[in-house]
Amino acid sequence: MGCVHGKCCSRYPPSSNGDSRDYRERGRYGGRHIISDRLLECVAVPSHNFNLEYSVLSQRGYYPDSPDKENQDSYIIKTEIQGNPNVHFFGVFDGHGQFGAQCSNFVKDRLVEVLSNDPTLLDDPVKVYNSAFLVTNSELHNSEIDDSMSGTTAITVLLIGNTLFVANVGDSRAVIAVKEGNRIIAEDLSYDQTPFRKDEYDRVKLCGARVLSVDQVEGLKDPDIQTWGDEETEGSDPPRLWVQNGMYPGTAFTRSVGDGTAEKIGVIAVPEVSMIELASNHLFFVVASDGVFEFLSSQTVVEMVARYPDPRDACAAIAGESYKLWLEHENRTDDITIIIVHIRDLSDSGANTTAILRTGRGGTPDVSITTGSEVFHST
């Protein structure tokens, strides 16, 4: 986690005039804050006759003790994967550790390359997605980057025709906006992988991890109490993973790419993959690092996006609110990266079906398919 100088969204220059410059401002703490790639782009999906209109913002965090610390977030938007006009990719990578920026940039580049180079991508996207994460993780381990105590989370969306495949490793998040009558509802497309989740807690404990908050490690709280409430109430001192006889690595997530030391106590690069068939009541989706969701709920983010016709303005507003909330709670802010993708002109072509696939402890996917109010489960 990290953070940045908060500023009101009204202090960002308006984007509706098409100005795509990078904006640089000096905050009251003297740190430089860079907003990048405020472009409004559009790509067609001819197979189903709709368009994606999108923008992205990435801003370095404010770290008073490390004023020159680089932005460890990275992102990639790659259209027409394998030269196919109906296949597009969006990803956000949140690096951590001494070499977090190198890790996130390595994974950003290699993951999409591995996906693109697999001839079976369209035949079995879920299988290829899983394989691509594991291959990229292995390549990072074998690269010149020291990822023993550094790595990156990854939240990625692969669109094939009218279907989204969402692969997540870590605690960044993807959310889709669903119109229900006069309301717009946030539906999470990924689930944060942290020790707050019982299934993840049980898995890393079996791998030998100690799970304790910093206060517990430092003796301020009873280490035998293995309940921490939820992320909203206990996010300031979350449960973390530690080796049995040491004060490291202290990761607050249970899956990542890299993190060779944490891998020995259960931190894995196997993604959880969800799948959703788009329908006309799906308005937009958001892919963002946990710098956004640390203090903003998925529903709040969706409601903020819905206020702005231009996704560039929505990106700026969400970043501004995130910074403000970070500084209300801490003396720093996290790096912030957010991609907003509007779904334009899509008409219904069938049932709205969501499938959630999770890889369990033994490596066998658990599959839940939801159609309307019915749920089918298989292992």
Protein backbone atom coordinates (compact mmCIF):
# COMPACT_ATOMS: atom_id res chain seq x y z
CA MET A 1 0.00 0.00 0.00
CA GLY A 2 1.03 3.59 -0.45
CA CYS A 3 -0.52 6.96 -0.89
CA VAL A 4 -0.51 10.36 -2.53
CA HIS A 5 -1.29 14.02 -1.96
CA GLY A 6 -5.06 14.34 -2.02
CA LYS A 7 -6.72 16.98 -4.09
CA CYS A 8 -10.28 17.87 -4.90
CA CYS A 9 -11.34 16.62 -8.30
CA SER A 10 -12.31 20.16 -9.26
CA ARG A 11 -8.61 21.07 -9.32
CA TYR A 12 -8.02 18.80 -12.29
CA PRO A 13 -8.35 20.49 -15.67
CA PRO A 14 -11.55 19.52 -17.50
CA SER A 15 -11.20 16.76 -20.07
CA SER A 16 -14.35 17.25 -22.09
CA ASN A 17 -12.46 19.60 -24.40
CA GLY A 18 -10.34 16.72 -25.65
CA ASP A 19 -7.12 17.98 -24.10
CA SER A 20 -4.96 14.86 -23.72
CA ARG A 21 -1.87 16.44 -22.15
CA ASP A 22 -0.21 14.97 -19.10
CA TYR A 23 -0.90 17.18 -16.10
CA ARG A 24 1.79 17.81 -13.47
CA GLU A 25 1.08 19.64 -10.26
CA ARG A 26 3.03 20.35 -7.10
CA GLY A 27 1.16 19.48 -3.95
CA ARG A 28 1.45 21.28 -0.65
CA TYR A 29 3.96 18.61 0.47
CA GLY A 30 6.29 19.43 -2.42
CA GLY A 31 5.83 16.06 -4.10
CA ARG A 32 5.30 15.79 -7.82
CA HIS A 33 2.14 14.04 -8.89
CA ILE A 34 1.81 12.83 -12.44
CA ILE A 35 -1.46 12.01 -14.14
CA SER A 36 -0.75 10.06 -17.30
CA ASP A 37 -2.52 9.18 -20.52
CA ARG A 38 -5.67 11.26 -20.11
CA LEU A 39 -6.79 10.21 -23.57
CA LEU A 40 -10.27 9.16 -24.59
CA GLU A 41 -10.03 6.13 -26.85
CA CYS A 42 -12.56 3.92 -28.58
CA VAL A 43 -12.37 0.44 -30.06
CA ALA A 44 -15.06 -1.53 -31.89
CA VAL A 45 -16.20 -5.10 -31.26
CA PRO A 46 -17.63 -5.91 -34.70
CA SER A 47 -18.74 -9.47 -33.87
CA HIS A 48 -21.46 -8.06 -31.60
CA ASN A 49 -21.73 -4.56 -33.04
CA PHE A 50 -20.79 -2.50 -29.98
CA ASN A 51 -17.96 -0.21 -28.94
CA LEU A 52 -15.69 0.26 -25.94
CA GLU A 53 -14.83 3.81 -24.93
CA TYR A 54 -12.11 4.02 -22.33
CA SER A 55 -9.59 6.12 -20.46
CA VAL A 56 -6.86 5.45 -17.90
CA LEU A 57 -5.18 7.41 -15.15
CA SER A 58 -2.08 6.51 -13.18
CA GLN A 59 -0.64 8.69 -10.44
CA ARG A 60 2.37 8.20 -8.21
CA GLY A 61 1.81 8.06 -4.48
CA TYR A 62 2.85 10.65 -1.94
CA TYR A 63 5.44 9.17 0.42
CA PRO A 64 6.86 11.80 2.83
CA ASP A 65 9.74 9.53 3.82
CA SER A 66 10.54 8.68 0.18
CA PRO A 67 9.65 11.77 -1.88
CA ASP A 68 11.35 10.40 -5.01
CA LYS A 69 9.80 6.93 -4.86
CA GLU A 70 8.60 5.93 -8.30
CA ASN A 71 5.10 4.84 -9.20
CA GLN A 72 5.07 1.06 -8.74
CA ASP A 73 1.73 0.67 -10.51
CA SER A 74 1.67 -0.11 -14.20
CA TYR A 75 -1.08 -0.84 -16.69
CA ILE A 76 -1.63 -2.07 -20.19
CA ILE A 77 -4.42 -1.75 -22.71
CA LYS A 78 -3.90 -3.90 -25.77
CA THR A 79 -6.54 -4.00 -28.48
CA GLU A 80 -6.99 -6.60 -31.20
CA ILE A 81 -5.12 -9.43 -29.51
CA GLN A 82 -3.75 -11.87 -32.13
CA GLY A 83 -4.94 -9.39 -34.77
CA ASN A 84 -8.55 -10.19 -33.89
CA PRO A 85 -10.76 -7.06 -33.75
CA ASN A 86 -13.06 -8.76 -31.22
CA VAL A 87 -10.38 -9.50 -28.59
CA HIS A 88 -9.12 -6.76 -26.24
CA PHE A 89 -7.13 -6.74 -22.99
CA PHE A 90 -7.04 -4.39 -19.99
CA GLY A 91 -4.73 -4.86 -17.01
CA VAL A 92 -3.54 -3.07 -13.85
CA PHE A 93 -0.47 -4.25 -11.94
CA ASP A 94 0.35 -3.00 -8.44
CA GLY A 95 4.00 -3.59 -7.60
CA HIS A 96 5.42 -3.80 -4.08
CA GLY A 97 8.78 -4.21 -2.42
CA GLN A 98 12.14 -2.71 -3.34
CA PHE A 99 11.83 -3.81 -6.97
CA GLY A 100 8.07 -3.52 -7.25
CA ALA A 101 8.12 -1.19 -10.24
CA GLN A 102 10.37 -3.56 -12.19
CA CYS A 103 8.14 -6.51 -11.26
CA SER A 104 4.90 -4.81 -12.29
CA ASN A 105 6.35 -3.65 -15.61
CA PHE A 106 7.80 -7.09 -16.35
CA VAL A 107 4.49 -8.81 -15.66
CA LYS A 108 2.53 -6.17 -17.58
CA ASP A 109 4.55 -6.86 -20.70
CA ARG A 110 5.02 -10.62 -20.46
CA LEU A 111 1.54 -11.67 -19.40
CA VAL A 112 -0.16 -10.21 -22.45
CA GLU A 113 2.62 -11.55 -24.69
CA VAL A 114 2.14 -15.08 -23.37
CA LEU A 115 -1.63 -14.79 -23.86
CA SER A 116 -1.22 -13.40 -27.36
CA ASN A 117 1.21 -16.10 -28.43
CA ASP A 118 -0.98 -19.02 -27.35
CA PRO A 119 -2.88 -20.40 -30.38
CA THR A 120 -5.50 -21.99 -28.10
CA LEU A 121 -6.54 -18.69 -26.49
CA LEU A 122 -9.96 -18.55 -28.13
CA ASP A 123 -10.58 -22.29 -27.65
CA ASP A 124 -10.05 -22.31 -23.87
CA PRO A 125 -9.45 -18.80 -22.48
CA VAL A 126 -9.61 -19.90 -18.84
CA LYS A 127 -6.95 -22.58 -19.28
CA VAL A 128 -4.71 -20.19 -21.22
CA TYR A 129 -5.19 -17.47 -18.62
CA ASN A 130 -4.10 -19.79 -15.80
CA SER A 131 -1.11 -20.99 -17.79
CA ALA A 132 -0.07 -17.45 -18.73
CA PHE A 133 0.07 -16.36 -15.09
CA LEU A 134 2.15 -19.35 -14.07
CA VAL A 135 4.53 -18.99 -17.03
CA THR A 136 4.96 -15.26 -16.32
CA ASN A 137 5.60 -15.98 -12.64
CA SER A 138 8.28 -18.54 -13.52
CA GLU A 139 9.91 -16.15 -15.99
CA LEU A 140 10.00 -13.39 -13.38
CA HIS A 141 11.69 -15.75 -10.91
CA ASN A 142 14.30 -16.55 -13.56
CA SER A 143 14.82 -12.96 -14.70
CA GLU A 144 17.47 -10.50 -13.55
CA ILE A 145 14.92 -8.87 -11.23
CA ASP A 146 15.28 -9.82 -7.57
CA ASP A 147 11.72 -10.85 -6.73
CA SER A 148 12.54 -12.64 -3.48
CA MET A 149 10.82 -9.87 -1.50
CA SER A 150 9.18 -7.98 -4.36
CA GLY A 151 6.33 -8.72 -6.71
CA THR A 152 3.06 -7.45 -8.10
CA THR A 153 -0.64 -8.03 -7.92
CA ALA A 154 -2.55 -8.24 -11.20
CA ILE A 155 -6.16 -7.56 -12.14
CA THR A 156 -6.85 -8.16 -15.82
CA VAL A 157 -9.86 -8.25 -18.14
CA LEU A 158 -9.84 -10.08 -21.45
CA LEU A 159 -12.80 -9.33 -23.70
CA ILE A 160 -13.62 -11.92 -26.36
CA GLY A 161 -16.70 -10.92 -28.33
CA ASN A 162 -19.38 -10.14 -25.76
CA THR A 163 -17.74 -12.07 -22.91
CA LEU A 164 -15.40 -10.78 -20.23
CA PHE A 165 -12.82 -13.09 -18.68
CA VAL A 166 -11.43 -11.54 -15.50
CA ALA A 167 -8.25 -12.97 -13.96
CA ASN A 168 -7.16 -11.73 -10.55
CA VAL A 169 -4.08 -12.28 -8.41
CA GLY A 170 -4.00 -10.14 -5.26
CA ASP A 171 -6.13 -7.32 -3.90
CA SER A 172 -6.72 -4.99 -6.84
CA ARG A 173 -10.22 -5.19 -8.27
CA ALA A 174 -12.52 -5.23 -11.32
CA VAL A 175 -16.13 -4.06 -11.03
CA ILE A 176 -18.97 -3.83 -13.55
CA ALA A 177 -21.94 -1.45 -13.43
CA VAL A 178 -25.34 -3.07 -13.88
CA LYS A 179 -28.48 -1.01 -14.53
CA GLU A 180 -31.49 -2.29 -12.58
CA GLY A 181 -34.48 -0.06 -13.15
CA ASN A 182 -33.49 3.41 -12.00
CA ARG A 183 -30.53 2.12 -10.00
CA ILE A 184 -26.96 1.36 -11.01
CA ILE A 185 -25.52 -1.57 -9.05
CA ALA A 186 -21.86 -2.48 -8.65
CA GLU A 187 -21.09 -6.14 -9.26
CA ASP A 188 -17.60 -7.29 -8.31
CA LEU A 189 -15.86 -9.28 -11.02
CA SER A 190 -13.00 -10.23 -8.70
CA TYR A 191 -12.61 -11.00 -5.02
CA ASP A 192 -9.69 -9.60 -3.02
CA GLN A 193 -7.33 -12.42 -2.06
CA THR A 194 -6.34 -11.62 1.52
CA PRO A 195 -6.28 -13.45 4.86
CA PHE A 196 -9.65 -11.86 5.63
CA ARG A 197 -11.09 -14.57 3.36
CA LYS A 198 -11.47 -17.82 5.25
CA ASP A 199 -10.65 -19.99 2.24
CA GLU A 200 -7.43 -18.09 1.62
CA TYR A 201 -6.58 -18.01 5.33
CA ASP A 202 -7.01 -21.78 5.58
CA ARG A 203 -4.93 -22.35 2.44
CA VAL A 204 -1.89 -20.31 3.54
CA LYS A 205 -2.02 -21.75 7.07
CA LEU A 206 -1.73 -25.23 5.56
CA CYS A 207 1.34 -23.97 3.70
CA GLY A 208 3.02 -22.95 6.96
CA ALA A 209 2.25 -19.23 7.16
CA ARG A 210 1.79 -17.40 10.43
CA VAL A 211 -1.14 -14.98 10.02
CA LEU A 212 -0.90 -11.98 12.33
CA SER A 213 -1.48 -8.24 12.23
CA VAL A 214 1.44 -5.91 12.90
CA ASP A 215 0.05 -5.17 16.36
CA GLN A 216 0.01 -8.91 17.08
CA VAL A 217 3.56 -9.37 15.82
CA GLU A 218 4.73 -6.48 18.01
CA GLY A 219 2.99 -7.90 21.08
CA LEU A 220 0.32 -5.21 21.35
CA LYS A 221 -2.50 -7.67 20.72
CA ASP A 222 -3.02 -11.34 21.51
CA PRO A 223 -1.54 -13.44 18.63
CA ASP A 224 -3.83 -16.36 19.50
CA ILE A 225 -6.94 -14.41 18.46
CA GLN A 226 -7.25 -15.36 14.81
CA THR A 227 -10.18 -13.12 13.89
CA TRP A 228 -9.77 -9.64 12.48
CA GLY A 229 -13.26 -8.46 11.59
CA ASP A 230 -13.49 -7.32 7.98
CA GLU A 231 -11.43 -5.20 5.63
CA GLU A 232 -13.60 -2.11 6.08
CA THR A 233 -13.18 -2.00 9.87
CA GLU A 234 -9.67 -3.46 10.21
CA GLY A 235 -8.02 -2.26 7.02
CA SER A 236 -5.52 -0.08 8.88
CA ASP A 237 -3.92 -3.12 10.56
CA PRO A 238 -4.82 -6.13 8.42
CA PRO A 239 -3.71 -9.72 8.99
CA ARG A 240 -0.44 -10.45 7.21
CA LEU A 241 1.63 -13.51 6.31
CA TRP A 242 4.88 -14.24 8.12
CA VAL A 243 7.34 -17.13 8.11
CA GLN A 244 7.34 -19.21 11.27
CA ASN A 245 10.49 -17.82 12.85
CA GLY A 246 10.92 -14.43 11.26
CA MET A 247 9.44 -10.95 10.83
CA TYR A 248 9.01 -11.23 7.07
CA PRO A 249 7.61 -11.04 4.41
CA GLY A 250 4.45 -9.45 5.94
CA THR A 251 2.27 -9.55 2.83
CA ALA A 252 -1.36 -8.49 3.30
CA PHE A 253 -2.41 -10.48 0.21
CA THR A 254 -2.37 -14.22 -0.40
CA ARG A 255 -1.70 -14.29 -4.16
CA SER A 256 0.74 -12.38 -6.32
CA VAL A 257 3.26 -12.72 -9.13
CA GLY A 258 6.85 -12.84 -7.89
CA ASP A 259 7.39 -12.77 -4.10
CA GLY A 260 9.66 -15.81 -4.06
CA THR A 261 9.95 -15.82 -0.27
CA ALA A 262 6.22 -15.50 0.33
CA GLU A 263 5.62 -18.25 -2.22
CA LYS A 264 7.13 -20.71 0.27
CA ILE A 265 4.30 -19.97 2.73
CA GLY A 266 1.40 -20.14 0.28
CA VAL A 267 1.40 -16.91 -1.74
CA ILE A 268 0.66 -18.25 -5.23
CA ALA A 269 0.36 -16.85 -8.74
CA VAL A 270 -2.67 -18.97 -9.66
CA PRO A 271 -5.43 -16.54 -10.69
CA GLU A 272 -9.09 -16.70 -9.85
CA VAL A 273 -10.96 -16.33 -13.13
CA SER A 274 -14.51 -15.07 -13.51
CA MET A 275 -16.54 -14.90 -16.69
CA ILE A 276 -19.51 -12.71 -17.55
CA GLU A 277 -21.54 -12.44 -20.74
CA LEU A 278 -22.28 -8.80 -21.42
CA ALA A 279 -25.86 -7.58 -21.81
CA SER A 280 -27.47 -4.24 -22.59
CA ASN A 281 -27.82 -3.38 -18.89
CA HIS A 282 -24.04 -3.50 -18.40
CA LEU A 283 -22.94 0.12 -18.62
CA PHE A 284 -19.20 0.10 -17.91
CA PHE A 285 -16.47 -1.71 -16.03
CA VAL A 286 -13.62 -0.46 -13.87
CA VAL A 287 -10.18 -2.03 -13.41
CA ALA A 288 -8.18 -0.43 -10.61
CA SER A 289 -5.41 -0.90 -8.07
CA ASP A 290 -6.18 -1.12 -4.36
CA GLY A 291 -5.19 2.52 -3.98
CA VAL A 292 -8.70 3.24 -5.22
CA PHE A 293 -10.56 0.62 -3.22
CA GLU A 294 -8.74 1.07 0.11
CA PHE A 295 -11.29 3.69 1.18
CA LEU A 296 -13.89 3.61 -1.61
CA SER A 297 -16.38 0.77 -1.96
CA SER A 298 -17.17 -0.77 -5.32
CA GLN A 299 -20.64 0.80 -5.18
CA THR A 300 -19.23 4.25 -4.48
CA VAL A 301 -16.80 3.96 -7.38
CA VAL A 302 -19.57 2.90 -9.77
CA GLU A 303 -21.80 5.76 -8.65
CA MET A 304 -18.97 8.24 -9.18
CA VAL A 305 -18.26 6.95 -12.68
CA ALA A 306 -21.97 7.19 -13.54
CA ARG A 307 -21.95 10.94 -12.81
CA TYR A 308 -19.52 11.67 -15.65
CA PRO A 309 -20.26 11.03 -19.34
CA ASP A 310 -16.52 11.32 -20.07
CA PRO A 311 -14.44 8.58 -18.38
CA ARG A 312 -11.48 10.95 -18.15
CA ASP A 313 -13.44 13.15 -15.77
CA ALA A 314 -14.53 10.09 -13.80
CA CYS A 315 -10.91 8.93 -13.47
CA ALA A 316 -9.87 12.33 -12.14
CA ALA A 317 -12.78 12.52 -9.70
CA ILE A 318 -12.14 9.06 -8.27
CA ALA A 319 -8.41 9.72 -7.96
CA GLY A 320 -9.07 13.03 -6.20
CA GLU A 321 -11.50 11.45 -3.74
CA SER A 322 -9.14 8.54 -3.11
CA TYR A 323 -6.25 10.89 -2.30
CA LYS A 324 -8.41 12.95 0.04
CA LEU A 325 -9.54 9.86 1.95
CA TRP A 326 -6.02 8.47 2.19
CA LEU A 327 -4.77 11.67 3.78
CA GLU A 328 -7.69 11.77 6.18
CA HIS A 329 -6.59 8.37 7.50
CA GLU A 330 -2.80 8.38 7.00
CA ASN A 331 0.09 10.75 6.26
CA ARG A 332 0.70 9.23 2.85
CA THR A 333 -1.23 7.94 -0.14
CA ASP A 334 -0.94 4.90 -2.36
CA ASP A 335 -0.16 4.83 -6.04
CA ILE A 336 -3.46 5.07 -7.93
CA THR A 337 -4.24 3.46 -11.27
CA ILE A 338 -7.71 3.23 -12.76
CA ILE A 339 -9.06 2.14 -16.14
CA ILE A 340 -12.70 2.94 -16.96
CA VAL A 341 -14.31 1.24 -19.97
CA HIS A 342 -17.78 2.28 -21.16
CA ILE A 343 -19.80 -0.30 -23.09
CA ARG A 344 -21.59 1.52 -25.90
CA ASP A 345 -24.45 0.38 -28.17
CA LEU A 346 -24.64 -3.23 -26.98
CA SER A 347 -27.95 -5.02 -27.57
CA ASP A 348 -28.97 -8.23 -25.83
CA SER A 349 -28.07 -11.44 -27.64
CA GLY A 350 -28.91 -13.96 -24.93
CA ALA A 351 -29.09 -14.68 -21.23
CA ASN A 352 -26.92 -12.79 -18.80
CA THR A 353 -24.69 -15.56 -17.45
CA THR A 354 -21.94 -15.26 -14.89
CA ALA A 355 -19.47 -18.03 -14.09
CA ILE A 356 -16.99 -17.85 -11.27
CA LEU A 357 -14.03 -20.23 -11.34
CA ARG A 358 -11.74 -20.51 -8.36
CA THR A 359 -8.69 -22.67 -8.09
CA GLY A 360 -8.80 -24.54 -4.76
CA ARG A 361 -6.01 -25.83 -2.56
CA GLY A 362 -5.47 -28.90 -4.70
CA GLY A 363 -5.35 -26.93 -7.95
CA THR A 364 -8.75 -28.13 -9.17
CA PRO A 365 -11.04 -25.33 -10.38
CA ASP A 366 -14.31 -24.92 -8.50
CA VAL A 367 -16.94 -23.74 -10.96
CA SER A 368 -20.11 -21.84 -10.07
CA ILE A 369 -22.43 -20.80 -12.91
CA THR A 370 -25.21 -18.33 -12.23
CA THR A 371 -28.12 -17.79 -14.64
CA GLY A 372 -30.85 -15.59 -13.22
CA SER A 373 -31.58 -16.82 -9.72
CA GLU A 374 -30.35 -20.37 -10.21
CA VAL A 375 -26.88 -21.49 -9.17
CA PHE A 376 -25.15 -24.64 -10.40
CA HIS A 377 -21.97 -25.89 -8.76
CA SER A 378 -19.45 -28.48 -9.89
CA THR A 379 -15.97 -29.44 -8.78
